[in-house]
Amino acid sequence: MIIGVIIAMDKEFVRMRSLLADVKEEHDGQYAFVTGTFEGKNIVMAKSGIGKVNAAVGVVTMIHRYHPDCVISSGCAGGIGTGLRVMDVVASSQLVYHDTFVGECGEGLEIVSPYDADAKLLLVAKELQQTLKDVDLKIGLICTGDQFITEREKLEVIKSRFPEGLAVDMESCAIAHTCQIMNTPFISLRVISDTIGADVQLDEYKNFWASVADNSFEVLSMYIKSL
């Protein structure tokens, strides 16, 4: 089994790479790919860069080069669900674009519909949710757009369209969309780095990277062990 893990940012990539043994690195254009093993499983990681296009091109390059059996999007996200806290983790049951709208004649309807996470991968997340003790794992909707959301007004627009949304990021739905086209099972696991609309949101985000501990990625490592 080959497990693909796609990551947007350098800090995340370095931390995930530290989990692997027998590491090899390759490059394809702007993309860095790292292969290795973890708990006896073959892993391929890609650093995609931030945003929907970078993520989509990165994952399709990964699929063509390495043919993973599934893809996991790992990284951070802003929390928009009630009660979410920094360092909680959200696993995607569904994913949507929050910055795409339907035109007057219905154009764009296809890409505003939710993308479902793979049922088997989601079942693993639900089983893991029952066993975790030190990390709070939530399962629900992740909303993606090419914006770092800080203003409460933008948050309210997203929540009005997707009241069940738990987290917002800049890559996950684009990866889900691409994986659906490429017929590759997908799920997103996102650590909450800040709570959008909070008065201390910027401080939360800075402190997340300043104080992030190894166990903040406990869910990903335990998830991979469970596959």
Protein backbone atom coordinates (compact mmCIF):
# COMPACT_ATOMS: atom_id res chain seq x y z
CA MET A 1 0.00 0.00 0.00
CA ILE A 2 1.26 3.47 -0.91
CA ILE A 3 -0.13 6.34 1.16
CA GLY A 4 0.12 9.83 -0.30
CA VAL A 5 0.36 12.81 2.07
CA ILE A 6 0.18 16.28 0.56
CA ILE A 7 1.19 19.34 2.58
CA ALA A 8 1.15 23.05 1.76
CA MET A 9 3.79 24.72 3.93
CA ASP A 10 7.49 24.24 4.75
CA LYS A 11 6.96 24.01 8.51
CA GLU A 12 4.40 21.26 8.13
CA PHE A 13 6.49 19.41 5.54
CA VAL A 14 9.61 19.31 7.74
CA ARG A 15 7.66 18.05 10.73
CA MET A 16 5.95 15.27 8.76
CA ARG A 17 9.22 14.26 7.09
CA SER A 18 10.72 13.60 10.54
CA LEU A 19 8.28 10.68 10.95
CA LEU A 20 9.72 8.72 8.02
CA ALA A 21 12.53 6.18 7.70
CA ASP A 22 14.51 5.31 4.54
CA VAL A 23 13.94 8.80 3.22
CA LYS A 24 14.54 9.73 -0.42
CA GLU A 25 13.78 13.09 -2.02
CA GLU A 26 12.90 13.87 -5.63
CA HIS A 27 11.79 17.02 -7.44
CA ASP A 28 9.35 17.59 -10.27
CA GLY A 29 9.19 21.23 -11.29
CA GLN A 30 8.44 23.25 -8.17
CA TYR A 31 7.32 20.19 -6.21
CA ALA A 32 9.45 18.32 -3.69
CA PHE A 33 8.47 14.69 -3.12
CA VAL A 34 9.75 12.60 -0.24
CA THR A 35 9.33 8.83 -0.09
CA GLY A 36 9.95 6.65 2.94
CA THR A 37 8.39 4.19 5.33
CA PHE A 38 6.38 4.61 8.50
CA GLU A 39 5.14 1.70 10.60
CA GLY A 40 5.89 -0.64 7.69
CA LYS A 41 3.83 1.40 5.22
CA ASN A 42 5.14 3.12 2.10
CA ILE A 43 4.63 6.88 2.23
CA VAL A 44 5.02 9.56 -0.43
CA MET A 45 4.83 13.17 0.71
CA ALA A 46 4.53 16.25 -1.46
CA LYS A 47 4.99 19.88 -0.55
CA SER A 48 2.45 21.61 -2.75
CA GLY A 49 2.54 25.25 -1.75
CA ILE A 50 -0.42 27.29 -0.56
CA GLY A 51 -3.69 27.60 -2.47
CA LYS A 52 -6.04 25.59 -4.65
CA VAL A 53 -4.04 25.53 -7.89
CA ASN A 54 -0.77 24.56 -6.18
CA ALA A 55 -2.56 21.80 -4.29
CA ALA A 56 -4.39 20.43 -7.33
CA VAL A 57 -1.31 20.36 -9.56
CA GLY A 58 0.74 18.87 -6.73
CA VAL A 59 -1.64 16.00 -6.10
CA VAL A 60 -2.12 15.14 -9.78
CA THR A 61 1.68 15.08 -10.18
CA MET A 62 1.92 12.78 -7.17
CA ILE A 63 -0.75 10.45 -8.56
CA HIS A 64 0.93 10.23 -11.98
CA ARG A 65 4.41 9.62 -10.53
CA TYR A 66 3.72 7.38 -7.54
CA HIS A 67 0.20 5.93 -7.97
CA PRO A 68 -0.81 6.14 -4.27
CA ASP A 69 -3.68 3.97 -3.07
CA CYS A 70 -5.07 6.93 -1.15
CA VAL A 71 -4.23 10.58 -0.46
CA ILE A 72 -4.34 12.46 2.85
CA SER A 73 -4.24 16.25 3.02
CA SER A 74 -2.40 17.21 6.19
CA GLY A 75 -1.85 20.65 7.63
CA CYS A 76 -3.56 23.42 9.50
CA ALA A 77 -6.90 25.19 9.16
CA GLY A 78 -8.92 27.94 10.78
CA GLY A 79 -11.66 26.79 13.12
CA ILE A 80 -15.17 28.03 12.34
CA GLY A 81 -17.23 25.43 14.20
CA THR A 82 -18.68 26.19 17.61
CA GLY A 83 -16.43 24.92 20.39
CA LEU A 84 -13.37 24.21 18.24
CA ARG A 85 -10.08 25.04 19.93
CA VAL A 86 -6.50 25.49 18.74
CA MET A 87 -4.82 22.05 18.42
CA ASP A 88 -8.12 20.23 17.80
CA VAL A 89 -8.14 18.19 14.60
CA VAL A 90 -10.86 18.08 11.94
CA ALA A 91 -11.27 15.09 9.63
CA SER A 92 -13.29 15.81 6.50
CA SER A 93 -16.55 14.00 5.96
CA GLN A 94 -17.32 16.46 3.16
CA LEU A 95 -15.50 19.34 1.47
CA VAL A 96 -16.74 22.43 -0.36
CA TYR A 97 -15.39 25.55 -2.06
CA HIS A 98 -16.56 28.55 -0.07
CA ASP A 99 -15.44 31.06 -2.73
CA THR A 100 -17.36 29.64 -5.72
CA PHE A 101 -20.88 30.80 -6.52
CA VAL A 102 -23.62 29.66 -8.88
CA GLY A 103 -24.49 32.01 -11.74
CA GLU A 104 -27.99 33.10 -12.68
CA CYS A 105 -28.36 30.29 -15.21
CA GLY A 106 -26.99 27.65 -12.85
CA GLU A 107 -23.44 27.58 -14.20
CA GLY A 108 -20.95 26.49 -11.59
CA LEU A 109 -23.46 24.23 -9.86
CA GLU A 110 -21.21 21.17 -10.17
CA ILE A 111 -18.28 22.68 -8.26
CA VAL A 112 -20.33 24.13 -5.42
CA SER A 113 -21.70 20.70 -4.52
CA PRO A 114 -19.90 18.97 -1.62
CA TYR A 115 -17.20 16.40 -2.28
CA ASP A 116 -17.41 13.36 -0.02
CA ALA A 117 -14.38 11.89 1.69
CA ASP A 118 -13.77 8.24 0.84
CA ALA A 119 -16.10 6.07 2.91
CA LYS A 120 -13.42 3.60 4.03
CA LEU A 121 -10.98 6.35 4.97
CA LEU A 122 -13.74 8.14 6.86
CA LEU A 123 -14.56 4.95 8.77
CA VAL A 124 -10.93 4.77 9.94
CA ALA A 125 -11.24 8.36 11.23
CA LYS A 126 -14.47 7.53 13.08
CA GLU A 127 -12.86 4.49 14.72
CA LEU A 128 -9.82 6.55 15.68
CA GLN A 129 -12.07 9.23 17.17
CA GLN A 130 -13.26 6.71 19.75
CA THR A 131 -9.74 5.81 20.94
CA LEU A 132 -7.96 9.19 21.12
CA LYS A 133 -7.42 10.54 24.62
CA ASP A 134 -5.16 13.60 24.36
CA VAL A 135 -6.40 15.09 21.06
CA ASP A 136 -9.95 16.16 20.25
CA LEU A 137 -10.84 14.85 16.78
CA LYS A 138 -13.93 16.29 15.09
CA ILE A 139 -15.47 14.99 11.87
CA GLY A 140 -17.37 17.24 9.48
CA LEU A 141 -17.31 19.77 6.67
CA ILE A 142 -14.13 21.58 5.60
CA CYS A 143 -14.54 24.73 3.48
CA THR A 144 -11.77 25.76 1.05
CA GLY A 145 -11.00 29.04 -0.68
CA ASP A 146 -8.06 31.13 -1.86
CA GLN A 147 -8.27 33.47 1.13
CA PHE A 148 -6.79 33.58 4.62
CA ILE A 149 -9.98 34.45 6.47
CA THR A 150 -9.61 36.93 9.31
CA GLU A 151 -12.59 39.29 9.07
CA ARG A 152 -15.71 38.34 10.98
CA GLU A 153 -17.83 39.55 8.03
CA LYS A 154 -16.26 36.97 5.68
CA LEU A 155 -16.69 34.29 8.32
CA GLU A 156 -20.39 35.13 8.59
CA VAL A 157 -20.80 34.81 4.81
CA ILE A 158 -19.19 31.36 4.88
CA LYS A 159 -21.26 30.24 7.86
CA SER A 160 -24.47 31.52 6.24
CA ARG A 161 -23.80 29.34 3.19
CA PHE A 162 -22.35 26.38 5.11
CA PRO A 163 -23.65 26.51 8.70
CA GLU A 164 -22.34 23.00 9.35
CA GLY A 165 -18.75 24.00 8.43
CA LEU A 166 -16.09 23.18 11.01
CA ALA A 167 -12.89 24.45 9.42
CA VAL A 168 -11.64 26.61 6.57
CA ASP A 169 -8.42 26.15 4.62
CA MET A 170 -6.88 26.91 1.21
CA GLU A 171 -6.23 23.44 -0.26
CA SER A 172 -8.39 20.52 0.91
CA CYS A 173 -11.38 20.76 -1.44
CA ALA A 174 -9.15 21.29 -4.47
CA ILE A 175 -7.32 18.07 -3.58
CA ALA A 176 -10.62 16.26 -3.03
CA HIS A 177 -11.89 17.54 -6.40
CA THR A 178 -8.72 16.36 -8.15
CA CYS A 179 -8.73 12.98 -6.42
CA GLN A 180 -12.33 12.43 -7.50
CA ILE A 181 -11.33 13.10 -11.11
CA MET A 182 -8.32 10.78 -10.73
CA ASN A 183 -10.39 8.08 -8.96
CA THR A 184 -8.13 8.15 -5.89
CA PRO A 185 -9.55 7.83 -2.34
CA PHE A 186 -9.06 10.98 -0.26
CA ILE A 187 -9.49 12.45 3.21
CA SER A 188 -8.27 15.64 4.89
CA LEU A 189 -6.91 15.85 8.45
CA ARG A 190 -6.41 19.44 9.59
CA VAL A 191 -5.04 20.77 12.87
CA ILE A 192 -6.83 23.93 14.03
CA SER A 193 -4.25 26.75 14.16
CA ASP A 194 -6.59 29.65 14.97
CA THR A 195 -10.27 30.36 15.52
CA ILE A 196 -11.60 32.73 12.91
CA GLY A 197 -13.27 35.86 14.16
CA ALA A 198 -11.68 35.63 17.60
CA ASP A 199 -10.18 38.84 18.93
CA VAL A 200 -6.86 37.04 19.43
CA GLN A 201 -6.87 35.15 16.12
CA LEU A 202 -3.49 36.46 14.88
CA ASP A 203 -1.87 35.72 18.24
CA GLU A 204 -3.36 32.22 18.17
CA TYR A 205 -1.85 31.56 14.73
CA LYS A 206 1.60 32.88 15.72
CA ASN A 207 1.55 30.95 18.98
CA PHE A 208 0.46 27.78 17.18
CA TRP A 209 3.73 27.70 15.25
CA ALA A 210 5.80 28.92 18.19
CA SER A 211 4.55 26.26 20.61
CA VAL A 212 3.44 23.39 18.37
CA ALA A 213 4.45 20.06 19.93
CA ASP A 214 5.15 16.73 18.30
CA ASN A 215 1.82 15.32 19.52
CA SER A 216 -0.07 17.93 17.46
CA PHE A 217 0.42 15.51 14.56
CA GLU A 218 -0.47 12.49 16.66
CA VAL A 219 -3.72 12.02 14.75
CA LEU A 220 -1.98 11.70 11.38
CA SER A 221 0.55 9.16 12.63
CA MET A 222 -2.11 7.11 14.41
CA TYR A 223 -4.35 7.37 11.37
CA ILE A 224 -1.64 6.00 9.08
CA LYS A 225 -0.99 3.16 11.54
CA SER A 226 -4.68 2.26 11.30
CA LEU A 227 -4.78 1.99 7.50
